[in-house]
Amino acid sequence: MKSDTNTRSAWKVYFFSAIIALAVSYGVLHFNKQEVKESTGVTVVESVPGAQALYTKDNEGNIKPLDFTETSEKVLDAVVHIKSTQTGSSNQSQGARELPDPFKEFFGDMFKGQSPHGMQSQPRVGTGSGVIINDKGYIVTNNHVIDNADEVEVTLYNNQSYKATVIGTDPTTDLALLQIKADNLKTMSLVNSDDVEVGEWVLAVGNPLGLNSTVTAGIVSAKARSIHINTDKFAVESFIQTDAAINPGNSGGALVNLDGNLVGINTAIASTTGTYTGYGFAVPSNIVTKVVEDLLKFGNVQRGMLGVTIRTMDSNLAKEKDVDFTKGVWVEQVGEDSGADLAGMESGDIILSVNGKETATSPRLQEIIAGKRPGDKVAIIVNRNGKEKELEVELHNSQGGTDFIKKEKKEVFNLLGADFENVDKDIAKKLDIDGGVQVSKLYPGKIKSETQMRAGFIITHIDGKRVKDVDDVAAILENKKGGVMLEGVYEDGTKNYYAFGLDS
């Protein structure tokens, strides 16, 4: 009897459970009903919401779904495609240097100074990315994207293309500043990269492998990373490392936070294949800001220098130097009469901080100092023989002084695509010339695209008028229209003439 009762009770439970399950299933089907179109065997589901699988916190600590669509929409218009073209005309006089590498080994200088019959130099095209930083058309990219180019073309997200002018470059940080003449440009703001944290979400935006306007997502994997890719004598490497996919063509593109602001300029990848293997590197936005400000204000980057050689402290170094391990930067040598020397810094000091910012590695110390100019004073805490000591160091320029080293950067010089400096007195005496102006560097512009001039040429006459200094060049060419004839000499005594046209 008791068994029958239990059986009836079990059936009642099963029955009511079935009723409840049916009701729940009906409710789910009812509330998730979707309109479906069926046509020619294809089923189309309308209005499917995007799934939010991850969540994050905003700056106020509020939980919100992790969604990259709003950020992507905000930044895509401010990232451009850059095409740099090298025609080879500016280097044809170097002959064999234009031959493909396999042929150089066999022919050497056989074709130096001549163009082999029937052989025409083919334009070489490189591509990269850039970021529009203000409505005046200024664009930041990598120096290696436009280096040695004769022409630079910028294509916006809407596929409009413009010829770009190179405003200036900084090989030490691998950055370059371009400008285009365009209206209604979408721009991107820069953040304080010191506030960026390891583990923070970031997006990489650029044009990798010919795939325009590509967005990839990842996190900040590390900061103050050096990969020894920049060979410049005064190179500054303190990259933000990210696992957002970066490939060839991303160079010069944007690394942004979820607010759509610029964290860094994508610059390099660590790879044995030449494509993405999980490690990308970007120049921090603080360095970008400093370089852009200097190029616009002074015509070149004003680099403040301590005047020391350094190494990151680790256990092996501490053992080598027979000192207790201290997290910081070991001072290997102090340059004579450098800012550090005059402030009392000594070999064997361990730099702990600069202006209150911890310097745990050499790249971090480089990054902080790279944000300063000659004449700036910095407060440095060092560990000397186990005791902390504060030094006030006045930073010097590359020539050992504290003055700014300015370049004349007039608009006509941007059009020509060249940096000019007054010829050294010893060189002038050697060549028996009464002054002149030397072309110290060439960028994409009139001279590179229309002549075969090489850097180092010394201009002595323009249109028959005597040129003694940079001001003379500016005065003659500033309002010039039509043809221009440059006369001058190279340091080896070779005289030459170059002609080109200036647009009205």
Protein backbone atom coordinates (compact mmCIF):
# COMPACT_ATOMS: atom_id res chain seq x y z
CA MET A 1 0.00 0.00 0.00
CA LYS A 2 2.78 2.27 0.93
CA SER A 3 4.51 1.38 -2.36
CA ASP A 4 1.40 2.32 -4.41
CA THR A 5 1.24 5.65 -2.63
CA ASN A 6 4.87 6.38 -3.40
CA THR A 7 4.33 5.41 -7.04
CA ARG A 8 1.33 7.74 -7.38
CA SER A 9 3.34 10.57 -5.75
CA ALA A 10 6.24 10.02 -8.16
CA TRP A 11 3.91 10.14 -11.16
CA LYS A 12 2.43 13.40 -9.85
CA VAL A 13 5.95 14.89 -9.61
CA TYR A 14 6.80 13.75 -13.13
CA PHE A 15 3.52 15.13 -14.47
CA PHE A 16 3.87 18.56 -12.90
CA SER A 17 7.57 18.69 -13.93
CA ALA A 18 6.58 17.99 -17.50
CA ILE A 19 3.93 20.74 -17.37
CA ILE A 20 6.46 23.23 -16.02
CA ALA A 21 9.09 22.26 -18.60
CA LEU A 22 6.54 22.68 -21.39
CA ALA A 23 5.54 26.10 -20.09
CA VAL A 24 9.17 27.25 -19.84
CA SER A 25 9.93 25.99 -23.34
CA TYR A 26 6.90 27.79 -24.73
CA GLY A 27 7.90 30.98 -22.98
CA VAL A 28 11.45 30.84 -24.32
CA LEU A 29 10.21 30.18 -27.84
CA HIS A 30 7.69 33.00 -27.56
CA PHE A 31 10.06 35.68 -26.28
CA ASN A 32 12.90 34.74 -28.64
CA LYS A 33 10.75 34.55 -31.72
CA GLN A 34 12.57 35.97 -34.75
CA GLU A 35 11.33 36.89 -38.16
CA VAL A 36 12.68 34.52 -40.79
CA LYS A 37 12.62 35.00 -44.57
CA GLU A 38 12.81 31.95 -46.77
CA SER A 39 13.64 32.47 -50.41
CA THR A 40 15.11 30.03 -52.92
CA GLY A 41 16.21 27.72 -50.14
CA VAL A 42 18.18 30.38 -48.24
CA THR A 43 17.14 31.20 -44.68
CA VAL A 44 17.75 34.80 -43.58
CA VAL A 45 17.42 35.69 -39.90
CA GLU A 46 16.78 39.38 -39.22
CA SER A 47 17.87 41.51 -36.26
CA VAL A 48 20.16 39.09 -34.48
CA PRO A 49 21.81 41.00 -31.58
CA GLY A 50 25.60 40.73 -31.16
CA ALA A 51 26.54 38.47 -28.28
CA GLN A 52 28.37 40.13 -25.41
CA ALA A 53 30.64 37.43 -24.02
CA LEU A 54 33.06 39.66 -22.09
CA TYR A 55 32.70 42.61 -19.76
CA THR A 56 35.01 45.42 -18.69
CA LYS A 57 35.00 48.47 -16.42
CA ASP A 58 34.99 52.08 -17.55
CA ASN A 59 37.05 54.81 -15.86
CA GLU A 60 34.37 55.23 -13.21
CA GLY A 61 34.33 51.54 -12.33
CA ASN A 62 31.01 50.78 -14.04
CA ILE A 63 30.65 47.32 -15.59
CA LYS A 64 29.85 47.36 -19.30
CA PRO A 65 29.93 44.87 -22.16
CA LEU A 66 33.27 44.67 -23.99
CA ASP A 67 32.45 45.90 -27.49
CA PHE A 68 34.93 47.23 -30.06
CA THR A 69 32.40 48.46 -32.63
CA GLU A 70 32.00 51.97 -31.22
CA THR A 71 35.76 52.44 -30.89
CA SER A 72 36.39 51.14 -34.42
CA GLU A 73 33.81 53.48 -35.89
CA LYS A 74 35.42 56.40 -34.05
CA VAL A 75 39.01 55.79 -35.21
CA LEU A 76 38.86 54.39 -38.75
CA ASP A 77 38.40 57.80 -40.41
CA ALA A 78 41.58 59.12 -38.76
CA VAL A 79 43.88 56.34 -40.00
CA VAL A 80 45.22 56.68 -43.55
CA HIS A 81 47.00 54.54 -46.14
CA ILE A 82 50.43 55.82 -47.22
CA LYS A 83 52.09 54.94 -50.51
CA SER A 84 55.72 55.96 -50.92
CA THR A 85 57.26 55.76 -54.39
CA GLN A 86 60.95 55.75 -55.21
CA THR A 87 61.49 56.30 -58.91
CA GLY A 88 65.24 55.74 -58.84
CA SER A 89 65.93 58.92 -60.82
CA SER A 90 67.62 60.59 -57.89
CA ASN A 91 70.14 57.79 -57.60
CA GLN A 92 70.78 56.83 -61.20
CA SER A 93 74.23 58.34 -61.11
CA GLN A 94 75.15 55.65 -58.61
CA GLY A 95 74.59 53.04 -61.28
CA ALA A 96 75.12 49.56 -59.88
CA ARG A 97 73.43 50.48 -56.60
CA GLU A 98 70.14 50.33 -58.49
CA LEU A 99 70.75 46.79 -59.71
CA PRO A 100 68.97 43.94 -57.91
CA ASP A 101 71.08 42.46 -55.11
CA PRO A 102 72.00 39.20 -56.91
CA PHE A 103 73.50 41.17 -59.81
CA LYS A 104 75.55 43.50 -57.60
CA GLU A 105 77.66 40.58 -56.43
CA PHE A 106 78.70 39.73 -59.99
CA PHE A 107 78.85 43.12 -61.71
CA GLY A 108 80.08 45.34 -58.87
CA ASP A 109 80.71 48.87 -60.20
CA MET A 110 80.61 47.85 -63.84
CA PHE A 111 77.66 50.11 -64.57
CA LYS A 112 78.65 52.95 -62.25
CA GLY A 113 77.91 56.28 -63.85
CA GLN A 114 75.98 54.80 -66.76
CA SER A 115 72.62 53.23 -67.49
CA PRO A 116 72.86 49.85 -69.25
CA HIS A 117 71.31 49.94 -72.71
CA GLY A 118 67.63 49.17 -72.65
CA MET A 119 67.46 48.91 -68.87
CA GLN A 120 64.87 51.23 -67.34
CA SER A 121 64.61 51.83 -63.63
CA GLN A 122 61.25 50.61 -62.32
CA PRO A 123 59.54 52.61 -59.57
CA ARG A 124 59.62 50.94 -56.18
CA VAL A 125 56.49 51.29 -54.10
CA GLY A 126 56.18 50.83 -50.35
CA THR A 127 53.03 51.08 -48.27
CA GLY A 128 52.23 51.84 -44.68
CA SER A 129 49.79 53.67 -42.47
CA GLY A 130 49.48 57.03 -40.75
CA VAL A 131 47.36 58.87 -38.19
CA ILE A 132 45.73 62.29 -38.68
CA ILE A 133 46.40 64.24 -35.49
CA ASN A 134 44.76 67.61 -36.27
CA ASP A 135 42.47 69.35 -38.75
CA LYS A 136 45.40 71.13 -40.44
CA GLY A 137 46.24 67.86 -42.17
CA TYR A 138 49.23 66.81 -40.08
CA ILE A 139 49.81 63.06 -40.16
CA VAL A 140 52.18 60.99 -38.02
CA THR A 141 53.79 57.87 -39.46
CA ASN A 142 57.04 55.93 -39.23
CA ASN A 143 60.19 57.36 -40.76
CA HIS A 144 60.94 54.01 -42.40
CA VAL A 145 57.62 54.20 -44.27
CA ILE A 146 58.65 57.31 -46.24
CA ASP A 147 62.45 57.22 -46.00
CA ASN A 148 64.17 57.61 -49.41
CA ALA A 149 60.82 58.13 -51.16
CA ASP A 150 60.52 60.56 -54.07
CA GLU A 151 56.75 60.91 -53.74
CA VAL A 152 54.33 60.24 -50.89
CA GLU A 153 50.61 59.75 -51.45
CA VAL A 154 48.02 59.60 -48.67
CA THR A 155 44.65 57.90 -49.12
CA LEU A 156 41.87 58.58 -46.62
CA TYR A 157 39.32 56.08 -45.34
CA ASN A 158 36.84 57.44 -47.91
CA ASN A 159 39.38 56.63 -50.70
CA GLN A 160 40.28 60.26 -51.48
CA SER A 161 44.00 60.60 -52.25
CA TYR A 162 46.37 63.53 -51.73
CA LYS A 163 50.05 64.27 -52.33
CA ALA A 164 51.79 64.68 -48.99
CA THR A 165 54.56 67.03 -47.92
CA VAL A 166 57.17 65.80 -45.45
CA ILE A 167 57.36 68.35 -42.63
CA GLY A 168 60.16 66.57 -40.81
CA THR A 169 61.55 63.26 -39.63
CA ASP A 170 63.22 61.85 -36.53
CA PRO A 171 65.23 58.69 -37.25
CA THR A 172 66.09 58.31 -33.54
CA THR A 173 62.46 57.40 -32.77
CA ASP A 174 61.53 56.27 -36.31
CA LEU A 175 58.82 58.93 -36.60
CA ALA A 176 57.90 61.29 -39.43
CA LEU A 177 55.42 64.14 -39.79
CA LEU A 178 53.52 64.69 -43.06
CA GLN A 179 50.90 67.20 -44.16
CA ILE A 180 48.12 67.12 -46.72
CA LYS A 181 45.90 69.95 -47.90
CA ALA A 182 42.39 68.72 -47.18
CA ASP A 183 39.25 69.88 -45.39
CA ASN A 184 36.89 68.27 -42.88
CA LEU A 185 39.41 65.72 -41.68
CA LYS A 186 38.65 63.34 -38.84
CA THR A 187 41.43 63.45 -36.25
CA MET A 188 42.66 61.45 -33.28
CA SER A 189 43.68 62.72 -29.85
CA LEU A 190 46.76 61.47 -28.00
CA VAL A 191 46.71 60.20 -24.42
CA ASN A 192 49.39 60.32 -21.74
CA SER A 193 51.07 56.97 -22.40
CA ASP A 194 52.44 56.92 -18.83
CA ASP A 195 48.85 56.16 -17.77
CA VAL A 196 48.57 53.11 -20.04
CA GLU A 197 48.65 49.88 -18.04
CA VAL A 198 49.81 46.37 -18.85
CA GLY A 199 46.72 44.24 -19.46
CA GLU A 200 44.68 47.13 -20.86
CA TRP A 201 42.64 46.48 -24.00
CA VAL A 202 43.92 48.15 -27.19
CA LEU A 203 43.11 48.09 -30.91
CA ALA A 204 45.64 48.20 -33.75
CA VAL A 205 44.35 50.09 -36.79
CA GLY A 206 46.12 50.20 -40.15
CA ASN A 207 46.58 48.71 -43.59
CA PRO A 208 48.41 45.37 -43.23
CA LEU A 209 49.34 43.24 -46.23
CA GLY A 210 47.31 45.43 -48.60
CA LEU A 211 44.14 45.00 -46.52
CA ASN A 212 43.02 48.58 -46.01
CA SER A 213 41.41 49.81 -42.81
CA THR A 214 41.94 46.71 -40.70
CA VAL A 215 41.21 46.62 -36.95
CA THR A 216 42.65 43.99 -34.61
CA ALA A 217 42.28 43.70 -30.84
CA GLY A 218 44.60 42.70 -28.02
CA ILE A 219 46.07 43.91 -24.77
CA VAL A 220 49.13 45.84 -23.69
CA SER A 221 51.59 43.01 -23.08
CA ALA A 222 54.50 45.07 -21.71
CA LYS A 223 55.89 48.61 -21.56
CA ALA A 224 59.34 50.16 -21.97
CA ARG A 225 60.43 47.35 -24.28
CA SER A 226 63.61 47.59 -26.39
CA ILE A 227 64.17 45.20 -29.32
CA HIS A 228 67.31 46.87 -30.75
CA ILE A 229 65.80 47.41 -34.18
CA ASN A 230 66.76 51.09 -34.53
CA THR A 231 70.41 51.47 -35.54
CA ASP A 232 70.60 55.26 -35.19
CA LYS A 233 73.44 56.45 -32.95
CA PHE A 234 71.01 58.20 -30.58
CA ALA A 235 68.13 55.73 -30.99
CA VAL A 236 65.36 55.78 -28.40
CA GLU A 237 63.49 52.49 -27.97
CA SER A 238 60.89 52.21 -25.25
CA PHE A 239 58.05 50.46 -27.05
CA ILE A 240 54.60 49.51 -25.88
CA GLN A 241 54.30 45.79 -26.60
CA THR A 242 50.93 44.38 -27.69
CA ASP A 243 49.49 41.09 -28.86
CA ALA A 244 47.05 42.85 -31.20
CA ALA A 245 47.92 41.50 -34.65
CA ILE A 246 50.37 43.80 -36.47
CA ASN A 247 51.76 42.96 -39.92
CA PRO A 248 53.76 44.68 -42.69
CA GLY A 249 51.68 47.67 -43.77
CA ASN A 250 50.60 48.45 -40.20
CA SER A 251 53.74 50.55 -39.72
CA GLY A 252 52.76 54.11 -38.85
CA GLY A 253 49.23 53.08 -37.89
CA ALA A 254 47.39 53.63 -34.63
CA LEU A 255 47.37 51.73 -31.37
CA VAL A 256 44.31 53.07 -29.53
CA ASN A 257 42.54 52.52 -26.23
CA LEU A 258 38.83 51.72 -25.97
CA ASP A 259 38.04 55.45 -25.86
CA GLY A 260 39.50 55.76 -29.36
CA ASN A 261 42.51 57.83 -28.33
CA LEU A 262 46.06 57.27 -29.56
CA VAL A 263 48.25 55.19 -27.25
CA GLY A 264 51.12 54.71 -29.71
CA ILE A 265 52.29 54.46 -33.32
CA ASN A 266 52.66 50.85 -34.48
CA THR A 267 56.25 50.40 -35.62
CA ALA A 268 57.65 46.88 -35.53
CA ILE A 269 57.02 43.19 -35.05
CA ALA A 270 59.17 40.46 -33.53
CA SER A 271 59.01 37.65 -36.05
CA THR A 272 61.16 35.04 -37.76
CA THR A 273 58.75 34.89 -40.71
CA GLY A 274 58.20 38.59 -41.44
CA THR A 275 54.56 38.39 -40.40
CA TYR A 276 52.68 38.44 -37.10
CA THR A 277 53.67 35.83 -34.52
CA GLY A 278 52.19 37.44 -31.43
CA TYR A 279 54.45 40.40 -30.68
CA GLY A 280 53.95 43.94 -31.94
CA PHE A 281 55.57 47.18 -30.80
CA ALA A 282 54.41 50.80 -30.81
CA VAL A 283 56.15 54.11 -30.07
CA PRO A 284 54.42 55.58 -26.97
CA SER A 285 52.20 58.60 -27.54
CA ASN A 286 54.26 60.75 -25.14
CA ILE A 287 57.30 60.39 -27.42
CA VAL A 288 55.08 61.06 -30.46
CA THR A 289 53.75 64.27 -28.89
CA LYS A 290 57.26 65.55 -28.12
CA VAL A 291 58.57 64.77 -31.63
CA VAL A 292 55.61 66.45 -33.35
CA GLU A 293 55.84 69.57 -31.18
CA ASP A 294 59.57 69.91 -31.88
CA LEU A 295 59.25 69.40 -35.63
CA LEU A 296 56.55 72.04 -35.86
CA LYS A 297 58.26 74.55 -33.57
CA PHE A 298 61.94 74.07 -34.33
CA GLY A 299 62.14 72.14 -37.61
CA ASN A 300 63.92 69.23 -35.90
CA VAL A 301 63.79 67.31 -32.63
CA GLN A 302 65.45 68.94 -29.64
CA ARG A 303 66.97 66.01 -27.78
CA GLY A 304 68.10 66.53 -24.21
CA MET A 305 70.93 64.22 -23.16
CA LEU A 306 72.38 63.10 -19.83
CA GLY A 307 75.74 62.18 -21.33
CA VAL A 308 76.10 58.69 -19.83
CA THR A 309 76.30 55.09 -21.02
CA ILE A 310 73.90 52.83 -19.17
CA ARG A 311 72.82 49.24 -18.50
CA THR A 312 69.69 47.82 -16.89
CA MET A 313 70.49 46.40 -13.45
CA ASP A 314 69.96 42.68 -12.94
CA SER A 315 71.45 39.96 -10.76
CA ASN A 316 74.20 39.12 -13.24
CA LEU A 317 75.30 42.75 -13.48
CA ALA A 318 75.23 43.10 -9.69
CA LYS A 319 77.45 40.04 -9.40
CA GLU A 320 79.78 41.34 -12.12
CA LYS A 321 80.16 44.70 -10.36
CA ASP A 322 80.22 43.14 -6.89
CA VAL A 323 77.36 45.28 -5.58
CA ASP A 324 74.04 44.53 -3.92
CA PHE A 325 71.19 44.21 -6.41
CA THR A 326 69.11 47.37 -6.70
CA LYS A 327 66.34 47.83 -9.27
CA GLY A 328 67.40 50.69 -11.53
CA VAL A 329 69.85 51.70 -14.26
CA TRP A 330 73.59 51.23 -13.84
CA VAL A 331 75.80 54.13 -14.98
CA GLU A 332 78.70 52.56 -16.88
CA GLN A 333 80.46 55.76 -17.96
CA VAL A 334 79.95 59.49 -17.56
CA GLY A 335 80.93 61.73 -20.47
CA GLU A 336 83.41 64.47 -19.63
CA ASP A 337 81.74 67.87 -19.21
CA SER A 338 78.32 66.33 -19.91
CA GLY A 339 75.28 67.43 -17.95
CA ALA A 340 75.58 64.37 -15.72
CA ASP A 341 79.28 65.00 -15.14
CA LEU A 342 78.75 68.62 -14.17
CA ALA A 343 75.98 67.58 -11.77
CA GLY A 344 78.30 65.15 -9.99
CA MET A 345 77.07 61.82 -11.32
CA GLU A 346 79.67 59.06 -11.15
CA SER A 347 80.37 55.74 -12.83
CA GLY A 348 78.79 53.05 -10.67
CA ASP A 349 75.78 55.14 -9.65
CA ILE A 350 72.43 53.40 -10.01
CA ILE A 351 69.70 55.71 -11.32
CA LEU A 352 66.48 55.02 -9.39
CA SER A 353 64.15 57.76 -10.65
CA VAL A 354 63.85 60.93 -12.72
CA ASN A 355 61.48 63.67 -11.60
CA GLY A 356 59.77 61.15 -9.33
CA LYS A 357 59.27 58.56 -12.08
CA GLU A 358 60.81 55.17 -11.40
CA THR A 359 63.51 54.07 -13.87
CA ALA A 360 63.58 50.29 -13.56
CA THR A 361 65.10 49.75 -17.02
CA SER A 362 67.32 51.56 -19.51
CA PRO A 363 64.49 51.96 -22.07
CA ARG A 364 62.29 53.61 -19.45
CA LEU A 365 65.08 56.05 -18.56
CA GLN A 366 65.57 56.81 -22.26
CA GLU A 367 61.85 57.41 -22.70
CA ILE A 368 61.68 59.91 -19.83
CA ILE A 369 64.78 61.85 -20.97
CA ALA A 370 63.55 61.79 -24.60
CA GLY A 371 60.63 63.93 -23.45
CA LYS A 372 63.01 66.72 -22.41
CA ARG A 373 64.94 69.39 -24.31
CA PRO A 374 68.45 70.84 -23.97
CA GLY A 375 68.56 73.21 -21.02
CA ASP A 376 65.83 71.36 -19.11
CA LYS A 377 66.75 70.43 -15.54
CA VAL A 378 65.78 67.06 -14.10
CA ALA A 379 65.88 65.75 -10.52
CA ILE A 380 67.60 62.37 -10.46
CA ILE A 381 67.79 60.01 -7.48
CA VAL A 382 70.81 57.68 -7.57
CA ASN A 383 72.00 54.90 -5.32
CA ARG A 384 75.69 55.38 -4.57
CA ASN A 385 77.35 52.80 -2.37
CA GLY A 386 74.03 51.85 -0.81
CA LYS A 387 72.92 55.40 -0.06
CA GLU A 388 70.45 57.52 -2.02
CA LYS A 389 71.61 60.86 -3.38
CA GLU A 390 69.67 63.51 -5.32
CA LEU A 391 71.27 65.29 -8.30
CA GLU A 392 69.96 68.14 -10.42
CA VAL A 393 71.13 67.63 -13.99
CA GLU A 394 70.88 70.20 -16.77
CA LEU A 395 70.50 68.32 -20.05
CA HIS A 396 72.77 69.10 -23.00
CA ASN A 397 72.27 68.88 -26.77
CA SER A 398 74.19 66.51 -29.04
CA GLN A 399 76.93 69.12 -29.45
CA GLY A 400 77.50 69.49 -25.72
CA GLY A 401 75.71 72.80 -25.22
CA THR A 402 72.32 73.73 -23.82
CA ASP A 403 71.01 75.77 -26.76
CA PHE A 404 68.36 74.56 -29.17
CA ILE A 405 69.67 73.41 -32.55
CA LYS A 406 67.07 74.88 -34.89
CA LYS A 407 66.54 74.35 -38.60
CA GLU A 408 65.10 76.95 -40.90
CA LYS A 409 61.82 75.32 -41.89
CA LYS A 410 60.10 77.68 -44.28
CA GLU A 411 57.22 76.51 -46.47
CA VAL A 412 59.32 76.69 -49.64
CA PHE A 413 61.83 74.29 -48.06
CA ASN A 414 59.01 71.80 -47.45
CA LEU A 415 58.06 72.13 -51.12
CA LEU A 416 61.64 71.49 -52.19
CA GLY A 417 61.88 68.55 -49.81
CA ALA A 418 65.24 69.40 -48.29
CA ASP A 419 67.06 70.50 -45.16
CA PHE A 420 69.67 73.21 -45.65
CA GLU A 421 72.56 74.42 -43.52
CA ASN A 422 75.30 76.96 -44.02
CA VAL A 423 78.40 75.29 -45.41
CA ASP A 424 81.18 74.59 -42.91
CA LYS A 425 83.98 77.18 -43.11
CA ASP A 426 86.68 74.51 -43.46
CA ILE A 427 84.83 72.89 -46.38
CA ALA A 428 84.35 76.29 -48.03
CA LYS A 429 88.06 77.04 -47.66
CA LYS A 430 89.00 73.65 -49.10
CA LEU A 431 86.74 74.20 -52.14
CA ASP A 432 87.79 77.85 -52.47
CA ILE A 433 84.22 79.15 -52.34
CA ASP A 434 82.91 82.22 -50.57
CA GLY A 435 80.19 80.56 -48.49
CA GLY A 436 77.25 78.52 -49.72
CA VAL A 437 74.39 76.35 -48.52
CA GLN A 438 74.71 72.58 -48.15
CA VAL A 439 71.80 70.20 -48.68
CA SER A 440 72.02 68.10 -45.52
CA LYS A 441 69.03 65.84 -46.18
CA LEU A 442 66.50 65.17 -48.93
CA TYR A 443 62.83 64.24 -48.51
CA PRO A 444 60.04 63.67 -51.04
CA GLY A 445 59.70 66.97 -52.91
CA LYS A 446 60.67 68.92 -55.99
CA ILE A 447 64.40 68.25 -55.80
CA LYS A 448 64.12 64.49 -55.42
CA SER A 449 61.37 64.06 -58.00
CA GLU A 450 62.83 66.31 -60.71
CA THR A 451 66.62 66.13 -60.30
CA GLN A 452 69.39 63.65 -59.53
CA MET A 453 70.82 65.74 -56.69
CA ARG A 454 72.35 63.87 -53.76
CA ALA A 455 72.56 64.98 -50.17
CA GLY A 456 75.77 66.92 -49.54
CA PHE A 457 75.48 69.20 -52.59
CA ILE A 458 76.61 72.77 -51.84
CA ILE A 459 74.55 75.48 -53.55
CA THR A 460 76.61 78.50 -54.56
CA HIS A 461 74.22 80.18 -57.05
CA ILE A 462 70.46 80.18 -57.72
CA ASP A 463 69.43 81.53 -61.12
CA GLY A 464 72.85 83.15 -61.34
CA LYS A 465 72.50 84.94 -57.99
CA ARG A 466 75.19 84.40 -55.38
CA VAL A 467 74.13 82.31 -52.34
CA LYS A 468 76.07 82.65 -49.09
CA ASP A 469 73.66 81.36 -46.44
CA VAL A 470 70.26 79.74 -45.83
CA ASP A 471 68.52 83.13 -45.68
CA ASP A 472 69.65 83.80 -49.25
CA VAL A 473 68.00 80.57 -50.45
CA ALA A 474 64.73 81.48 -48.74
CA ALA A 475 64.78 85.05 -50.06
CA ILE A 476 65.36 83.97 -53.67
CA LEU A 477 62.87 81.10 -53.77
CA GLU A 478 60.08 82.13 -51.39
CA ASN A 479 57.91 83.81 -54.05
CA LYS A 480 59.56 82.21 -57.07
CA LYS A 481 57.45 80.89 -59.95
CA GLY A 482 58.56 78.83 -62.91
CA GLY A 483 61.99 77.35 -63.58
CA VAL A 484 64.86 77.30 -61.08
CA MET A 485 68.55 76.65 -61.79
CA LEU A 486 70.83 75.57 -58.94
CA GLU A 487 74.59 75.76 -59.37
CA GLY A 488 77.08 74.30 -56.94
CA VAL A 489 79.64 71.69 -56.01
CA TYR A 490 80.02 68.47 -54.04
CA GLU A 491 82.66 68.07 -51.34
CA ASP A 492 84.85 66.05 -53.71
CA GLY A 493 85.05 69.10 -56.00
CA THR A 494 82.56 67.88 -58.64
CA LYS A 495 80.58 70.83 -59.99
CA ASN A 496 76.99 70.40 -61.11
CA TYR A 497 73.79 72.16 -62.19
CA TYR A 498 70.24 71.11 -61.33
CA ALA A 499 67.04 72.52 -62.81
CA PHE A 500 63.41 72.08 -61.72
CA GLY A 501 60.11 73.97 -61.77
CA LEU A 502 58.25 75.66 -58.95
CA ASP A 503 54.48 75.69 -59.19
CA SER A 504 52.75 79.03 -59.06
